[in-house]
Amino acid sequence: MSGTSTDTILYAQTRAVEHAAGLPGIRPLRIHALALPLHAAELSATIEEHSPFDLLDRYVGLAIAEGGFTRLQDIAVFLGISEHMVDRVLRFLGEIGHLHGTADALSLTEPGLRSIRDDRRYTEKEERLRLYFDGVRCGPLRTAHYAHGVRILNRDAGHAQRAFRLLPEACGFRPGVVGELARRSDRGEYDLPDELLKLQVLEVGRAFLPCYAIRAHDGQRLRTLVYSGIAELRDHHLEEILNAWPTATHVMESADSEQPRDHFAEWMRERGIAPRALAWVDHYSFRLVLPPSRYSDRAVGIRDKSTFSLAMLGSYVAPRSHVLQLWCDDAPTRTKAVLTRALAYATAPRRTVPEVTAFLERVCRQLEPDSDVTVDDLRRHAREAGYGTLDLGE
């Protein structure tokens, strides 16, 4: 995996950057590909299943629980069936954990008593599961981190790849942490269902959770936004961990102290872009200001390396991890970019007028066209571009 890129393991960095840039007042500055250390705990547990009682099983149980019979012979006489049949039922109830004692001293276990009381047969089955705890404070990961799309690397895969920087473990695994989680009323929010009982730790290994940490400015201070593979993109759980962890802050601040222009230089030379194209937006961030001729609506195979897609105008790139916004000082070009991006969004199936309106408002805030672009403007642009009438739901 040494040749893997970040988007092979997670998703493209620009997706996280664009999401961060769309948050009110947020200006992304730098993106770090990090891997949070994890403890991977292999556990055994029992799960309690329930099913309808067989009639004879229930009658034998009732004879013990409510009739007070504790001997095989007495139960057979009371129910009017053979001792052989009762013996077979008693052996079955013992196998599923409902009964203990001998044929002359029988009693029901707690699951057996509950089964009689609730008129359903409770049985226990062994399960194996894996729970992840962060290597910073040994806290459990949330259920969202177990969902499809979240990539957790085992120890070997983590050390083999070079796309994400492995952060060092800050604390070892605490044996009592599983029991603490099991006693929590909200344990289901950490992928531990209430029906799993008698948890035992079998083995603890090392793992890593890849994520993007975006250093951003909100107009008042520097902040760190964290993105992993969870469906909501922004990972507030990891964000809380990384923001409170001095080691992670030191790693990011050390990299942030490097001069951005030095990192952009090679990337810009490859595209024939002069250094003067960089323009500071504020004390923390800058744009790559290019003329209209540098933006084209041609397909990728037709454009050369020095030209960007018109849809990329106003969006962000991250050469060598420093975030850079593509820009053009020509307002009509920015207006055309708004229409291009909005048309691609609106022609997807099942878009509604409110959705397209909200998209237009967001893109207009980002691109600052000469005037706000409306849905009517977009409909007119669609007709002129040969798309016909936009079919939008209400």
Protein backbone atom coordinates (compact mmCIF):
# COMPACT_ATOMS: atom_id res chain seq x y z
CA MET A 1 0.00 0.00 0.00
CA SER A 2 3.03 2.28 -0.03
CA GLY A 3 1.91 3.89 -3.28
CA THR A 4 -1.65 4.62 -2.19
CA SER A 5 -3.12 8.12 -2.25
CA THR A 6 -5.34 9.60 0.42
CA ASP A 7 -8.52 9.25 -1.66
CA THR A 8 -7.79 5.52 -2.14
CA ILE A 9 -8.11 5.04 1.60
CA LEU A 10 -10.70 7.73 2.38
CA TYR A 11 -12.05 10.14 -0.26
CA ALA A 12 -10.60 13.10 -2.13
CA GLN A 13 -9.26 15.84 0.14
CA THR A 14 -11.09 18.48 -1.87
CA ARG A 15 -14.43 17.00 -0.79
CA ALA A 16 -13.62 17.72 2.85
CA VAL A 17 -12.20 21.15 2.00
CA GLU A 18 -15.30 22.13 0.01
CA HIS A 19 -17.55 21.06 2.87
CA ALA A 20 -15.52 23.12 5.35
CA ALA A 21 -15.51 26.13 3.02
CA GLY A 22 -19.30 25.96 2.83
CA LEU A 23 -19.67 26.42 6.59
CA PRO A 24 -20.61 29.99 7.64
CA GLY A 25 -17.54 32.15 8.27
CA ILE A 26 -15.03 29.34 7.74
CA ARG A 27 -11.97 29.78 5.53
CA PRO A 28 -9.88 26.58 5.20
CA LEU A 29 -6.11 27.09 5.26
CA ARG A 30 -4.37 23.73 5.48
CA ILE A 31 -5.42 20.08 5.34
CA HIS A 32 -3.59 17.31 7.19
CA ALA A 33 -4.03 13.61 6.41
CA LEU A 34 -3.75 11.94 9.83
CA ALA A 35 -4.45 8.50 11.26
CA LEU A 36 -5.80 8.35 14.81
CA PRO A 37 -4.41 5.43 16.87
CA LEU A 38 -7.02 2.93 18.04
CA HIS A 39 -7.26 -0.05 20.36
CA ALA A 40 -9.12 -2.88 18.61
CA ALA A 41 -10.70 -5.06 21.32
CA GLU A 42 -11.89 -8.54 20.33
CA LEU A 43 -14.71 -9.56 22.68
CA SER A 44 -16.92 -12.50 23.43
CA ALA A 45 -20.47 -11.90 24.60
CA THR A 46 -23.74 -13.70 25.04
CA ILE A 47 -26.93 -12.59 23.41
CA GLU A 48 -30.30 -13.50 24.81
CA GLU A 49 -32.76 -14.74 22.22
CA HIS A 50 -36.44 -15.48 22.82
CA SER A 51 -38.90 -17.76 21.07
CA PRO A 52 -42.30 -19.34 21.79
CA PHE A 53 -42.38 -22.17 24.35
CA ASP A 54 -43.16 -25.72 23.32
CA LEU A 55 -46.28 -26.68 25.26
CA LEU A 56 -44.69 -29.53 27.20
CA ASP A 57 -41.60 -27.47 28.10
CA ARG A 58 -43.85 -24.78 29.54
CA TYR A 59 -45.97 -27.22 31.57
CA VAL A 60 -42.87 -28.82 33.11
CA GLY A 61 -41.53 -25.38 33.97
CA LEU A 62 -44.84 -24.36 35.52
CA ALA A 63 -44.91 -27.56 37.57
CA ILE A 64 -41.55 -26.55 39.10
CA ALA A 65 -42.09 -22.79 39.39
CA GLU A 66 -45.74 -22.68 40.52
CA GLY A 67 -46.56 -26.23 41.51
CA GLY A 68 -43.51 -26.53 43.74
CA PHE A 69 -42.53 -29.95 42.39
CA THR A 70 -38.78 -30.61 42.60
CA ARG A 71 -38.60 -34.33 41.71
CA LEU A 72 -38.83 -35.92 38.27
CA GLN A 73 -41.26 -38.62 39.43
CA ASP A 74 -43.64 -36.11 41.04
CA ILE A 75 -43.72 -33.96 37.90
CA ALA A 76 -44.55 -37.02 35.77
CA VAL A 77 -47.43 -38.00 38.09
CA PHE A 78 -48.74 -34.41 38.24
CA LEU A 79 -48.75 -34.01 34.45
CA GLY A 80 -49.88 -37.55 33.73
CA ILE A 81 -47.03 -38.37 31.36
CA SER A 82 -44.15 -40.86 31.43
CA GLU A 83 -40.97 -40.23 33.42
CA HIS A 84 -39.02 -40.79 30.21
CA MET A 85 -40.80 -37.87 28.56
CA VAL A 86 -40.25 -35.63 31.60
CA ASP A 87 -36.57 -36.61 31.69
CA ARG A 88 -36.16 -35.59 28.08
CA VAL A 89 -37.73 -32.17 28.77
CA LEU A 90 -35.60 -31.65 31.90
CA ARG A 91 -32.40 -32.43 29.99
CA PHE A 92 -33.36 -29.91 27.31
CA LEU A 93 -34.16 -27.20 29.88
CA GLY A 94 -30.80 -27.86 31.50
CA GLU A 95 -28.97 -27.55 28.18
CA ILE A 96 -30.45 -24.10 27.50
CA GLY A 97 -29.67 -22.86 31.02
CA HIS A 98 -33.19 -22.88 32.47
CA LEU A 99 -32.69 -25.63 35.03
CA HIS A 100 -30.15 -26.85 37.53
CA GLY A 101 -30.01 -29.58 40.18
CA THR A 102 -30.60 -33.34 40.03
CA ALA A 103 -33.69 -35.41 39.31
CA ASP A 104 -34.51 -35.34 43.03
CA ALA A 105 -33.71 -31.65 43.66
CA LEU A 106 -34.76 -29.54 40.68
CA SER A 107 -34.96 -25.73 40.52
CA LEU A 108 -35.22 -23.12 37.80
CA THR A 109 -32.45 -20.63 37.03
CA GLU A 110 -33.13 -16.91 36.71
CA PRO A 111 -33.59 -17.17 32.90
CA GLY A 112 -35.87 -20.17 33.50
CA LEU A 113 -38.04 -18.23 35.96
CA ARG A 114 -38.26 -15.25 33.60
CA SER A 115 -39.22 -17.56 30.75
CA ILE A 116 -42.12 -18.97 32.78
CA ARG A 117 -43.19 -15.52 33.88
CA ASP A 118 -43.08 -13.99 30.36
CA ASP A 119 -44.33 -17.13 28.54
CA ARG A 120 -41.36 -17.07 26.15
CA ARG A 121 -38.26 -19.19 26.05
CA TYR A 122 -35.05 -17.22 26.71
CA THR A 123 -31.80 -18.78 25.51
CA GLU A 124 -28.25 -17.48 25.40
CA LYS A 125 -25.99 -17.66 22.36
CA GLU A 126 -22.31 -16.72 22.20
CA GLU A 127 -21.29 -13.88 19.92
CA ARG A 128 -17.94 -12.41 18.90
CA LEU A 129 -17.53 -8.70 18.28
CA ARG A 130 -14.91 -6.02 17.90
CA LEU A 131 -15.03 -2.63 19.58
CA TYR A 132 -12.68 0.28 18.91
CA PHE A 133 -11.34 2.67 21.55
CA ASP A 134 -9.22 5.69 20.70
CA GLY A 135 -5.58 5.63 21.69
CA VAL A 136 -5.69 9.12 23.19
CA ARG A 137 -8.01 8.73 26.18
CA CYS A 138 -9.23 5.14 25.59
CA GLY A 139 -12.80 6.23 24.89
CA PRO A 140 -15.16 4.19 22.67
CA LEU A 141 -15.85 5.18 19.08
CA ARG A 142 -19.42 5.99 18.15
CA THR A 143 -21.72 3.76 16.09
CA ALA A 144 -21.18 5.97 13.02
CA HIS A 145 -17.55 4.80 12.91
CA TYR A 146 -18.66 1.20 12.30
CA ALA A 147 -20.78 2.09 9.27
CA HIS A 148 -20.06 1.26 5.65
CA GLY A 149 -17.66 3.82 4.20
CA VAL A 150 -15.50 4.20 7.30
CA ARG A 151 -12.09 2.67 6.61
CA ILE A 152 -10.21 1.45 9.68
CA LEU A 153 -6.70 0.16 9.02
CA ASN A 154 -5.24 -2.68 11.02
CA ARG A 155 -1.72 -2.33 12.39
CA ASP A 156 0.06 -3.73 9.33
CA ALA A 157 -2.02 -1.81 6.80
CA GLY A 158 -1.52 1.39 8.77
CA HIS A 159 2.27 1.07 8.77
CA ALA A 160 2.38 -0.01 5.11
CA GLN A 161 0.62 3.05 3.72
CA ARG A 162 2.22 6.50 3.36
CA ALA A 163 -0.82 8.66 2.64
CA PHE A 164 -1.83 9.34 6.27
CA ARG A 165 0.56 10.31 9.05
CA LEU A 166 0.25 7.87 11.95
CA LEU A 167 -0.21 9.67 15.24
CA PRO A 168 1.46 8.07 18.28
CA GLU A 169 -0.57 6.31 20.94
CA ALA A 170 -1.10 8.47 24.03
CA CYS A 171 -2.47 5.85 26.41
CA GLY A 172 -2.63 2.08 26.66
CA PHE A 173 -5.78 -0.01 26.73
CA ARG A 174 -7.55 0.00 30.11
CA PRO A 175 -9.03 -3.45 30.89
CA GLY A 176 -11.98 -1.94 32.78
CA VAL A 177 -13.10 0.29 29.90
CA VAL A 178 -15.37 -2.40 28.38
CA GLY A 179 -17.21 -2.88 31.66
CA GLU A 180 -17.60 0.90 32.01
CA LEU A 181 -19.14 1.07 28.55
CA ALA A 182 -21.44 -1.90 29.27
CA ARG A 183 -22.88 -0.06 32.29
CA ARG A 184 -23.66 3.12 30.36
CA SER A 185 -27.28 3.83 29.52
CA ASP A 186 -26.23 5.15 26.09
CA ARG A 187 -24.05 2.15 25.18
CA GLY A 188 -26.07 1.59 22.00
CA GLU A 189 -24.66 4.87 20.64
CA TYR A 190 -21.21 3.24 20.76
CA ASP A 191 -22.15 0.09 18.80
CA LEU A 192 -22.80 -2.03 21.90
CA PRO A 193 -26.45 -3.22 21.89
CA ASP A 194 -28.17 -3.75 25.24
CA GLU A 195 -28.86 -7.42 24.45
CA LEU A 196 -25.15 -8.29 24.50
CA LEU A 197 -24.27 -9.60 27.97
CA LYS A 198 -21.29 -11.11 29.82
CA LEU A 199 -18.65 -9.26 27.83
CA GLN A 200 -15.11 -10.63 28.01
CA VAL A 201 -11.99 -9.17 26.39
CA LEU A 202 -10.20 -11.87 24.40
CA GLU A 203 -7.50 -9.85 22.65
CA VAL A 204 -6.50 -6.22 22.03
CA GLY A 205 -4.73 -5.12 18.85
CA ARG A 206 -3.66 -1.86 17.26
CA ALA A 207 -5.53 -0.07 14.49
CA PHE A 208 -5.76 3.38 12.89
CA LEU A 209 -8.65 5.59 11.78
CA PRO A 210 -7.71 7.80 8.77
CA CYS A 211 -9.12 11.32 8.79
CA TYR A 212 -8.57 14.80 7.42
CA ALA A 213 -7.86 17.59 9.90
CA ILE A 214 -8.53 20.98 8.33
CA ARG A 215 -6.96 24.02 9.92
CA ALA A 216 -9.31 26.92 9.30
CA HIS A 217 -9.99 30.47 10.43
CA ASP A 218 -13.47 31.52 11.49
CA GLY A 219 -12.84 35.27 11.48
CA GLN A 220 -11.70 35.31 15.09
CA ARG A 221 -9.43 32.33 15.71
CA LEU A 222 -7.84 29.26 14.20
CA ARG A 223 -9.88 26.07 14.44
CA THR A 224 -9.44 22.43 13.51
CA LEU A 225 -12.28 20.66 11.69
CA VAL A 226 -12.06 16.89 11.36
CA TYR A 227 -13.47 14.70 8.58
CA SER A 228 -13.58 10.90 8.49
CA GLY A 229 -15.65 8.40 6.52
CA ILE A 230 -18.86 8.89 8.49
CA ALA A 231 -21.91 9.81 6.45
CA GLU A 232 -22.14 13.32 7.88
CA LEU A 233 -18.55 13.99 6.71
CA ARG A 234 -17.58 16.27 9.59
CA ASP A 235 -16.64 14.12 12.57
CA HIS A 236 -17.40 16.02 15.78
CA HIS A 237 -16.31 13.08 17.94
CA LEU A 238 -12.79 12.98 16.49
CA GLU A 239 -12.77 16.77 16.41
CA GLU A 240 -13.21 16.90 20.17
CA ILE A 241 -10.37 14.39 20.67
CA LEU A 242 -7.87 16.08 18.34
CA ASN A 243 -8.58 19.62 19.56
CA ALA A 244 -7.89 18.58 23.15
CA TRP A 245 -4.75 16.57 22.34
CA PRO A 246 -1.52 18.61 22.48
CA THR A 247 0.41 16.07 20.37
CA ALA A 248 -1.96 16.45 17.41
CA THR A 249 -1.90 20.23 17.73
CA HIS A 250 1.92 20.22 17.74
CA VAL A 251 2.06 18.00 14.63
CA MET A 252 -0.27 20.31 12.71
CA GLU A 253 1.29 23.57 13.92
CA SER A 254 4.77 22.35 12.97
CA ALA A 255 3.60 21.71 9.42
CA ASP A 256 1.60 24.96 9.33
CA SER A 257 4.77 26.96 10.02
CA GLU A 258 6.19 26.02 6.62
CA GLN A 259 6.05 28.68 3.91
CA PRO A 260 3.09 28.00 1.60
CA ARG A 261 4.67 29.69 -1.42
CA ASP A 262 7.56 27.24 -1.36
CA HIS A 263 5.11 24.36 -1.58
CA PHE A 264 3.05 25.92 -4.35
CA ALA A 265 6.04 26.81 -6.52
CA GLU A 266 6.54 23.46 -8.25
CA TRP A 267 2.80 22.88 -8.67
CA MET A 268 2.43 26.33 -10.27
CA ARG A 269 5.46 25.89 -12.54
CA GLU A 270 3.98 22.66 -13.91
CA ARG A 271 0.90 24.65 -14.96
CA GLY A 272 2.74 27.70 -16.28
CA ILE A 273 1.35 29.98 -13.57
CA ALA A 274 3.44 32.97 -12.53
CA PRO A 275 4.07 33.61 -8.79
CA ARG A 276 2.27 36.96 -9.01
CA ALA A 277 -1.02 35.06 -9.48
CA LEU A 278 -1.06 34.42 -5.72
CA ALA A 279 -3.07 37.09 -3.90
CA TRP A 280 -3.60 37.28 -0.14
CA VAL A 281 -7.25 37.37 0.92
CA ASP A 282 -6.41 38.13 4.54
CA HIS A 283 -3.56 37.55 6.99
CA TYR A 284 -4.07 33.78 6.81
CA SER A 285 -5.19 32.79 3.33
CA PHE A 286 -4.81 33.64 -0.34
CA ARG A 287 -6.24 32.92 -3.76
CA LEU A 288 -4.82 31.90 -7.09
CA VAL A 289 -6.15 34.68 -9.33
CA LEU A 290 -6.21 33.67 -12.99
CA PRO A 291 -7.59 35.40 -16.12
CA PRO A 292 -10.80 34.16 -17.80
CA SER A 293 -8.72 32.40 -20.48
CA ARG A 294 -7.48 29.97 -17.82
CA TYR A 295 -11.01 28.61 -17.24
CA SER A 296 -12.75 26.47 -19.82
CA ASP A 297 -15.93 24.42 -20.11
CA ARG A 298 -14.15 21.92 -22.36
CA ALA A 299 -13.86 18.27 -21.30
CA VAL A 300 -10.79 17.11 -19.37
CA GLY A 301 -9.26 15.31 -22.34
CA ILE A 302 -9.38 18.48 -24.45
CA ARG A 303 -8.07 20.97 -21.85
CA ASP A 304 -4.34 21.18 -21.21
CA LYS A 305 -2.74 21.15 -17.76
CA SER A 306 -2.58 24.94 -17.55
CA THR A 307 -6.36 25.35 -17.88
CA PHE A 308 -8.94 24.64 -15.19
CA SER A 309 -12.55 23.58 -15.57
CA LEU A 310 -14.96 26.48 -15.35
CA ALA A 311 -16.81 24.51 -12.65
CA MET A 312 -13.65 24.65 -10.49
CA LEU A 313 -13.67 28.45 -10.32
CA GLY A 314 -14.23 29.40 -6.68
CA SER A 315 -13.45 25.88 -5.48
CA TYR A 316 -10.35 24.75 -3.64
CA VAL A 317 -7.26 22.75 -4.43
CA ALA A 318 -4.71 21.54 -1.90
CA PRO A 319 -1.25 21.26 -3.47
CA ARG A 320 1.17 19.95 -0.85
CA SER A 321 -1.67 20.22 1.72
CA HIS A 322 -1.94 24.01 1.64
CA VAL A 323 -5.48 25.05 0.71
CA LEU A 324 -5.75 27.42 -2.24
CA GLN A 325 -8.90 28.91 -3.78
CA LEU A 326 -9.09 29.24 -7.54
CA TRP A 327 -10.30 32.73 -8.49
CA CYS A 328 -10.94 35.14 -11.33
CA ASP A 329 -11.41 38.90 -10.96
CA ASP A 330 -13.77 38.98 -13.95
CA ALA A 331 -17.35 39.03 -12.57
CA PRO A 332 -19.05 37.78 -15.79
CA THR A 333 -16.74 34.74 -15.75
CA ARG A 334 -17.70 34.07 -12.15
CA THR A 335 -21.38 34.38 -13.08
CA LYS A 336 -20.87 31.86 -15.88
CA ALA A 337 -19.19 29.53 -13.37
CA VAL A 338 -22.21 29.81 -11.05
CA LEU A 339 -24.52 28.80 -13.89
CA THR A 340 -22.24 25.95 -14.96
CA ARG A 341 -22.07 24.47 -11.47
CA ALA A 342 -25.77 25.00 -10.79
CA LEU A 343 -26.79 23.39 -14.08
CA ALA A 344 -24.77 20.27 -13.28
CA TYR A 345 -26.46 20.14 -9.86
CA ALA A 346 -29.98 20.83 -11.14
CA THR A 347 -29.93 18.19 -13.90
CA ALA A 348 -29.42 15.38 -11.39
CA PRO A 349 -32.62 13.32 -10.84
CA ARG A 350 -35.27 14.49 -8.40
CA ARG A 351 -33.92 17.97 -7.67
CA THR A 352 -36.51 20.39 -6.29
CA VAL A 353 -36.84 24.16 -6.66
CA PRO A 354 -35.97 24.77 -2.95
CA GLU A 355 -32.87 22.57 -3.27
CA VAL A 356 -31.66 24.36 -6.40
CA THR A 357 -32.42 27.76 -4.83
CA ALA A 358 -30.36 26.89 -1.75
CA PHE A 359 -27.52 25.62 -3.97
CA LEU A 360 -27.54 28.84 -5.99
CA GLU A 361 -27.43 30.95 -2.82
CA ARG A 362 -24.46 29.00 -1.51
CA VAL A 363 -22.51 29.14 -4.78
CA CYS A 364 -23.25 32.85 -5.19
CA ARG A 365 -21.84 33.51 -1.72
CA GLN A 366 -18.72 31.65 -2.72
CA LEU A 367 -18.24 33.10 -6.20
CA GLU A 368 -19.57 36.63 -5.71
CA PRO A 369 -21.09 37.14 -9.20
CA ASP A 370 -22.02 40.64 -10.42
CA SER A 371 -25.63 39.94 -9.33
CA ASP A 372 -27.49 37.10 -7.63
CA VAL A 373 -28.39 34.22 -9.94
CA THR A 374 -31.99 32.96 -9.67
CA VAL A 375 -33.71 29.75 -10.72
CA ASP A 376 -35.24 31.68 -13.65
CA ASP A 377 -31.73 32.67 -14.76
CA LEU A 378 -30.73 29.02 -14.56
CA ARG A 379 -33.74 27.89 -16.59
CA ARG A 380 -32.85 30.41 -19.29
CA HIS A 381 -29.21 29.25 -19.28
CA ALA A 382 -30.33 25.61 -19.57
CA ARG A 383 -32.36 26.39 -22.69
CA GLU A 384 -29.47 28.32 -24.25
CA ALA A 385 -27.09 25.45 -23.46
CA GLY A 386 -29.39 22.97 -25.21
CA TYR A 387 -30.74 21.24 -22.07
CA GLY A 388 -34.33 22.28 -22.72
CA THR A 389 -36.69 22.92 -19.83
CA LEU A 390 -35.41 22.07 -16.37
CA ASP A 391 -37.64 19.47 -14.74
CA LEU A 392 -37.60 20.47 -11.07
CA GLY A 393 -39.94 19.25 -8.37
CA GLU A 394 -41.67 21.61 -5.99
